[in-house]
């Protein structure tokens, strides 16, 4: 039984090109076992030994790029390189062909496998570096997923080209010449993918859109937060919790509103108008001014303006019985000043940004009085509460200035007339 097994081993070693010992089965068995032990020691013993010592050094690097490289197992992949080199050298030493005898097919097959493994390991080393860079950069600057995916795609393509060259046994330059000839056809076939790839890189490199940004894109019916930026598409979670997938190229070529500036500033704009009936605007009488003085924020202003207007009117000659002559205070002007002072004293409005009450171009709906300012929050609920409180107060205060709010007639209005 042992003699038959010994002959089988001798024949197998001889088929690999190994100089088996004729008639010495024990020697052949010994060489076969040595080869297996050496292979095992290379791929497990040396690997584990070196990794054990490297861990003690690398684990001292708690943060930063080194920690990211450890998490992505870069050093594990690097350790495979010397093992593969030694294994390939061992094939040439143990299974070298005899004079005028070519290397066996089995040995050549093993060499091809080792070459392919070397290409794969090299590609994984670059992939680990790219992933580690993404981990570190994303924590500080934001997601660069599209660039990472583009880099990975290039690495995979190059690895595939090298593996194909190894399998079919042609120089890589010959394969690249063939691919260059077919590049024009490939660009036509994969036009959309290429455009998406370029757009995804532009979006990330120029930080036009980042995960977490609130964007509005009417053409794609997208209005919500960006949840993911991939190589060719951007996912937006709308406020109704639906998901819209937008091609990256559309974000470059079509209008997009990004609310990131609002989020980073910590304030949110209030811009809303109230339309006043123009027929309710008139000059102020003394009785009206006395009533307005009792309103907070207006006593000092009315006194100062009365003195200023009196000095101006006394300096010129005009018919004082005609009310339109000279300068006079109006209820609309005083109301606008009141709004300005009210906004300036509001605790939830920012004074670091534009804050004003202004009169806009009159329309067929009346005179628009616009409140323009910035709330000290970007939270939607708090923002709406602040805005509503302001206009609740403003709408209620308008009647104290003998002004009327314009609105289209309703059935109630017709019913009251009859």
Foldseek 3Di string as FASTA:
>chain_A
DLVVVLVVLQVVCVLQQAPRDPPCSVVSVVVVVVVVVVLCCLVPVVLVVVVVVVCVVLVVCPDDLSVLLVVLVLVSLVSVQVSLVVVLVVLCVRRPHDVVGHGHPVSVVVNLVSVLSNLVSVLSNVLSSLRSVQVRCCVPPAGLQQVSVVVNVVSVVVSVLSNVCSVVVHDSVVVVVVVVVCVVVVCVVCVLLVLLQVLLNVCRVVVVDGFQWFKDAVVQRATAGWHDRHRFWTWGQHPVRDITIGTSNCPVVGDMDTCVVCVVVQKAKDKDWFFWAPVQKDFDDPVLVVLVCVDPPPVVVSVVVVVVQVVQPVVDDDPVVDPVPGDTHMLVVSLQSVLQVVQVPDPFFDPVDDWGWDWDDADPQHIITITITIGNHPDPVVVVVVNVVSVVVSVVCQVSSSIGTGDDDDPVVVVVVD
